[in-house]
């Protein structure tokens, strides 16, 4: 669908005090500084940070969009990466040389982008891991069966 010619698109770059770009904002959405601007300008329908629920969740790091979820990446046939399966974690596909971690996210320290005042993704991951650790510690170590034979056959 063609956009009306009178629509103006806003593009802003956000830097820290040292001059490093933390993210850019295009039409209100915040992107990692290395995320290709041409992609930010051209998402397929129902994909990307504004339209996909999964991208809105795991596609962000410290409040900025870093990559498409697996479902959306499939819509682009892997041309825009393999897709994220968790915060900052891309699906592995040795056959796809266009992986985000080998292209636009190569040598990028995710903790150096975005704005932790918007969202601290590492804190979210730490909380999830802490919860998982608590859950695994709460699991009973003894057998689930009421037998002295550790779940074995105990009838005569």
C-alpha atoms as a PDB file:
ATOM      1  CA  UNK A   1       0.000   0.000   0.000  1.00  0.00           C
ATOM      2  CA  UNK A   2       1.487   3.323  -1.043  1.00  0.00           C
ATOM      3  CA  UNK A   3       1.774   6.010   1.591  1.00  0.00           C
ATOM      4  CA  UNK A   4       0.399   9.482   0.944  1.00  0.00           C
ATOM      5  CA  UNK A   5       3.019  11.918  -0.317  1.00  0.00           C
ATOM      6  CA  UNK A   6       2.217  14.489   2.367  1.00  0.00           C
ATOM      7  CA  UNK A   7       3.294  12.192   5.229  1.00  0.00           C
ATOM      8  CA  UNK A   8       6.473  13.401   6.904  1.00  0.00           C
ATOM      9  CA  UNK A   9       8.714  10.860   8.559  1.00  0.00           C
ATOM     10  CA  UNK A  10      10.676  11.909  11.612  1.00  0.00           C
ATOM     11  CA  UNK A  11      14.224  10.675  12.174  1.00  0.00           C
ATOM     12  CA  UNK A  12      16.197  11.512  15.337  1.00  0.00           C
ATOM     13  CA  UNK A  13      19.574  10.258  16.553  1.00  0.00           C
ATOM     14  CA  UNK A  14      20.249   9.907  20.301  1.00  0.00           C
ATOM     15  CA  UNK A  15      23.828   9.975  21.625  1.00  0.00           C
ATOM     16  CA  UNK A  16      25.453   9.717  25.043  1.00  0.00           C
ATOM     17  CA  UNK A  17      27.769  12.413  26.426  1.00  0.00           C
ATOM     18  CA  UNK A  18      30.782  10.717  24.828  1.00  0.00           C
ATOM     19  CA  UNK A  19      29.126  11.053  21.424  1.00  0.00           C
ATOM     20  CA  UNK A  20      28.303   7.360  20.959  1.00  0.00           C
ATOM     21  CA  UNK A  21      24.947   6.771  19.301  1.00  0.00           C
ATOM     22  CA  UNK A  22      22.657   4.886  21.681  1.00  0.00           C
ATOM     23  CA  UNK A  23      19.739   4.547  19.263  1.00  0.00           C
ATOM     24  CA  UNK A  24      17.810   6.314  16.554  1.00  0.00           C
ATOM     25  CA  UNK A  25      14.108   7.009  16.409  1.00  0.00           C
ATOM     26  CA  UNK A  26      12.145   6.715  13.188  1.00  0.00           C
ATOM     27  CA  UNK A  27       8.444   7.587  13.199  1.00  0.00           C
ATOM     28  CA  UNK A  28       8.361   7.162  16.974  1.00  0.00           C
ATOM     29  CA  UNK A  29       9.935   3.682  17.105  1.00  0.00           C
ATOM     30  CA  UNK A  30      13.392   3.385  18.688  1.00  0.00           C
ATOM     31  CA  UNK A  31      16.035   1.277  16.918  1.00  0.00           C
ATOM     32  CA  UNK A  32      19.520   0.010  17.740  1.00  0.00           C
ATOM     33  CA  UNK A  33      22.105   2.295  16.122  1.00  0.00           C
ATOM     34  CA  UNK A  34      23.250  -0.476  13.770  1.00  0.00           C
ATOM     35  CA  UNK A  35      19.756  -1.607  12.736  1.00  0.00           C
ATOM     36  CA  UNK A  36      19.542  -0.769   9.013  1.00  0.00           C
ATOM     37  CA  UNK A  37      17.551   2.432   8.513  1.00  0.00           C
ATOM     38  CA  UNK A  38      16.233   1.162   5.180  1.00  0.00           C
ATOM     39  CA  UNK A  39      14.538  -1.688   7.088  1.00  0.00           C
ATOM     40  CA  UNK A  40      13.111   0.668   9.702  1.00  0.00           C
ATOM     41  CA  UNK A  41      11.510   2.572   6.843  1.00  0.00           C
ATOM     42  CA  UNK A  42      10.053  -0.541   5.202  1.00  0.00           C
ATOM     43  CA  UNK A  43       8.477  -3.190   7.448  1.00  0.00           C
ATOM     44  CA  UNK A  44       6.109  -5.702   5.867  1.00  0.00           C
ATOM     45  CA  UNK A  45       2.541  -5.585   7.219  1.00  0.00           C
ATOM     46  CA  UNK A  46       2.160  -7.206  10.661  1.00  0.00           C
ATOM     47  CA  UNK A  47       5.944  -7.322  11.230  1.00  0.00           C
ATOM     48  CA  UNK A  48       8.352  -5.313  13.307  1.00  0.00           C
ATOM     49  CA  UNK A  49       8.311  -3.298  16.498  1.00  0.00           C
ATOM     50  CA  UNK A  50       4.967  -1.587  15.988  1.00  0.00           C
ATOM     51  CA  UNK A  51       2.815  -4.445  14.649  1.00  0.00           C
ATOM     52  CA  UNK A  52       4.072  -7.773  16.037  1.00  0.00           C
ATOM     53  CA  UNK A  53       3.507  -8.702  19.693  1.00  0.00           C
ATOM     54  CA  UNK A  54       6.533 -11.002  19.779  1.00  0.00           C
ATOM     55  CA  UNK A  55       8.800  -8.351  18.232  1.00  0.00           C
ATOM     56  CA  UNK A  56       7.468  -5.854  20.802  1.00  0.00           C
ATOM     57  CA  UNK A  57       8.708  -8.197  23.506  1.00  0.00           C
ATOM     58  CA  UNK A  58      11.889 -10.073  22.581  1.00  0.00           C
ATOM     59  CA  UNK A  59      12.878  -7.824  19.678  1.00  0.00           C
ATOM     60  CA  UNK A  60      13.915  -5.062  22.066  1.00  0.00           C
ATOM     61  CA  UNK A  61      16.998  -4.536  24.201  1.00  0.00           C
ATOM     62  CA  UNK A  62      17.165  -1.653  26.684  1.00  0.00           C
ATOM     63  CA  UNK A  63      14.102  -0.103  25.101  1.00  0.00           C
ATOM     64  CA  UNK A  64      15.275  -0.161  21.470  1.00  0.00           C
ATOM     65  CA  UNK A  65      14.433  -2.548  18.635  1.00  0.00           C
ATOM     66  CA  UNK A  66      17.371  -4.817  17.792  1.00  0.00           C
ATOM     67  CA  UNK A  67      15.779  -7.470  15.596  1.00  0.00           C
ATOM     68  CA  UNK A  68      12.765  -9.348  14.335  1.00  0.00           C
ATOM     69  CA  UNK A  69      11.269 -12.365  16.079  1.00  0.00           C
ATOM     70  CA  UNK A  70      11.529 -15.738  14.321  1.00  0.00           C
ATOM     71  CA  UNK A  71       8.040 -15.463  12.819  1.00  0.00           C
ATOM     72  CA  UNK A  72       8.729 -12.064  11.273  1.00  0.00           C
ATOM     73  CA  UNK A  73      12.237 -13.036  10.132  1.00  0.00           C
ATOM     74  CA  UNK A  74      10.605 -15.881   8.199  1.00  0.00           C
ATOM     75  CA  UNK A  75       8.413 -13.305   6.428  1.00  0.00           C
ATOM     76  CA  UNK A  76      11.646 -11.778   5.083  1.00  0.00           C
ATOM     77  CA  UNK A  77      13.033 -15.219   4.117  1.00  0.00           C
ATOM     78  CA  UNK A  78      16.038 -14.728   6.385  1.00  0.00           C
ATOM     79  CA  UNK A  79      17.169 -11.582   4.567  1.00  0.00           C
ATOM     80  CA  UNK A  80      16.895  -9.616   7.828  1.00  0.00           C
ATOM     81  CA  UNK A  81      18.382 -12.242  10.127  1.00  0.00           C
ATOM     82  CA  UNK A  82      17.268 -15.588  11.519  1.00  0.00           C
ATOM     83  CA  UNK A  83      14.925 -14.098  14.087  1.00  0.00           C
ATOM     84  CA  UNK A  84      15.138 -13.745  17.836  1.00  0.00           C
ATOM     85  CA  UNK A  85      13.972 -16.575  20.080  1.00  0.00           C
ATOM     86  CA  UNK A  86      14.589 -14.736  23.366  1.00  0.00           C
ATOM     87  CA  UNK A  87      15.904 -11.336  24.437  1.00  0.00           C
ATOM     88  CA  UNK A  88      19.137 -10.790  22.486  1.00  0.00           C
ATOM     89  CA  UNK A  89      19.284 -14.438  21.399  1.00  0.00           C
ATOM     90  CA  UNK A  90      19.021 -15.211  17.704  1.00  0.00           C
ATOM     91  CA  UNK A  91      17.948 -18.550  16.265  1.00  0.00           C
ATOM     92  CA  UNK A  92      21.030 -20.377  15.014  1.00  0.00           C
ATOM     93  CA  UNK A  93      21.196 -21.163  11.311  1.00  0.00           C
ATOM     94  CA  UNK A  94      24.665 -21.896   9.943  1.00  0.00           C
ATOM     95  CA  UNK A  95      23.337 -21.760   6.383  1.00  0.00           C
ATOM     96  CA  UNK A  96      22.214 -18.125   6.638  1.00  0.00           C
ATOM     97  CA  UNK A  97      25.119 -15.703   6.294  1.00  0.00           C
ATOM     98  CA  UNK A  98      22.678 -12.825   6.868  1.00  0.00           C
ATOM     99  CA  UNK A  99      22.320 -13.572  10.551  1.00  0.00           C
ATOM    100  CA  UNK A 100      21.931 -10.408  12.628  1.00  0.00           C
ATOM    101  CA  UNK A 101      24.843 -11.428  14.840  1.00  0.00           C
ATOM    102  CA  UNK A 102      27.110 -11.723  11.791  1.00  0.00           C
ATOM    103  CA  UNK A 103      25.886  -8.554  10.077  1.00  0.00           C
ATOM    104  CA  UNK A 104      24.422  -5.472  11.741  1.00  0.00           C
ATOM    105  CA  UNK A 105      24.859  -6.747  15.332  1.00  0.00           C
ATOM    106  CA  UNK A 106      28.397  -8.038  14.806  1.00  0.00           C
ATOM    107  CA  UNK A 107      30.736  -6.740  17.539  1.00  0.00           C
ATOM    108  CA  UNK A 108      27.837  -4.883  19.200  1.00  0.00           C
ATOM    109  CA  UNK A 109      27.647  -4.990  22.989  1.00  0.00           C
ATOM    110  CA  UNK A 110      23.899  -4.894  23.589  1.00  0.00           C
ATOM    111  CA  UNK A 111      24.449  -3.385  27.029  1.00  0.00           C
ATOM    112  CA  UNK A 112      25.985  -0.318  25.364  1.00  0.00           C
ATOM    113  CA  UNK A 113      22.909   0.539  23.297  1.00  0.00           C
ATOM    114  CA  UNK A 114      19.500   1.841  24.181  1.00  0.00           C
ATOM    115  CA  UNK A 115      18.567   3.479  27.437  1.00  0.00           C
ATOM    116  CA  UNK A 116      18.335   1.501  30.670  1.00  0.00           C
ATOM    117  CA  UNK A 117      16.032   4.200  32.028  1.00  0.00           C
ATOM    118  CA  UNK A 118      13.548   3.149  29.331  1.00  0.00           C
ATOM    119  CA  UNK A 119      14.033  -0.541  30.079  1.00  0.00           C
ATOM    120  CA  UNK A 120      16.885  -2.577  31.578  1.00  0.00           C
ATOM    121  CA  UNK A 121      16.701  -5.825  29.625  1.00  0.00           C
ATOM    122  CA  UNK A 122      19.511  -7.514  31.535  1.00  0.00           C
ATOM    123  CA  UNK A 123      17.575  -6.918  34.769  1.00  0.00           C
ATOM    124  CA  UNK A 124      14.536  -8.618  33.188  1.00  0.00           C
ATOM    125  CA  UNK A 125      16.646 -11.610  32.126  1.00  0.00           C
ATOM    126  CA  UNK A 126      18.235 -11.809  35.588  1.00  0.00           C
ATOM    127  CA  UNK A 127      14.774 -11.811  37.167  1.00  0.00           C
ATOM    128  CA  UNK A 128      13.592 -14.575  34.806  1.00  0.00           C
ATOM    129  CA  UNK A 129      16.699 -16.638  35.571  1.00  0.00           C
ATOM    130  CA  UNK A 130      16.240 -16.065  39.300  1.00  0.00           C
ATOM    131  CA  UNK A 131      12.642 -17.252  39.056  1.00  0.00           C
ATOM    132  CA  UNK A 132      13.727 -20.338  37.083  1.00  0.00           C
ATOM    133  CA  UNK A 133      16.378 -21.061  39.722  1.00  0.00           C
ATOM    134  CA  UNK A 134      13.800 -20.761  42.513  1.00  0.00           C
ATOM    135  CA  UNK A 135      11.442 -23.075  40.631  1.00  0.00           C
ATOM    136  CA  UNK A 136      14.134 -25.724  40.177  1.00  0.00           C
ATOM    137  CA  UNK A 137      15.074 -25.487  43.880  1.00  0.00           C
ATOM    138  CA  UNK A 138      11.441 -25.944  44.908  1.00  0.00           C
ATOM    139  CA  UNK A 139      11.125 -29.233  42.997  1.00  0.00           C
ATOM    140  CA  UNK A 140      11.055 -32.229  45.344  1.00  0.00           C
ATOM    141  CA  UNK A 141      14.137 -34.417  45.226  1.00  0.00           C
ATOM    142  CA  UNK A 142      12.335 -37.527  46.450  1.00  0.00           C
ATOM    143  CA  UNK A 143      10.229 -39.782  44.333  1.00  0.00           C
ATOM    144  CA  UNK A 144       6.732 -38.733  43.399  1.00  0.00           C
ATOM    145  CA  UNK A 145       5.524 -42.201  44.325  1.00  0.00           C
ATOM    146  CA  UNK A 146       4.597 -43.101  47.902  1.00  0.00           C
ATOM    147  CA  UNK A 147       6.779 -46.180  47.859  1.00  0.00           C
ATOM    148  CA  UNK A 148      10.006 -47.083  49.624  1.00  0.00           C
ATOM    149  CA  UNK A 149      11.099 -48.644  46.355  1.00  0.00           C
ATOM    150  CA  UNK A 150      11.725 -45.269  44.701  1.00  0.00           C
ATOM    151  CA  UNK A 151       8.923 -45.581  42.187  1.00  0.00           C
ATOM    152  CA  UNK A 152       9.538 -49.253  41.497  1.00  0.00           C
ATOM    153  CA  UNK A 153       7.133 -52.168  41.613  1.00  0.00           C
ATOM    154  CA  UNK A 154       6.460 -52.987  45.271  1.00  0.00           C
ATOM    155  CA  UNK A 155       3.573 -55.463  45.163  1.00  0.00           C
ATOM    156  CA  UNK A 156       3.894 -59.109  46.252  1.00  0.00           C
END
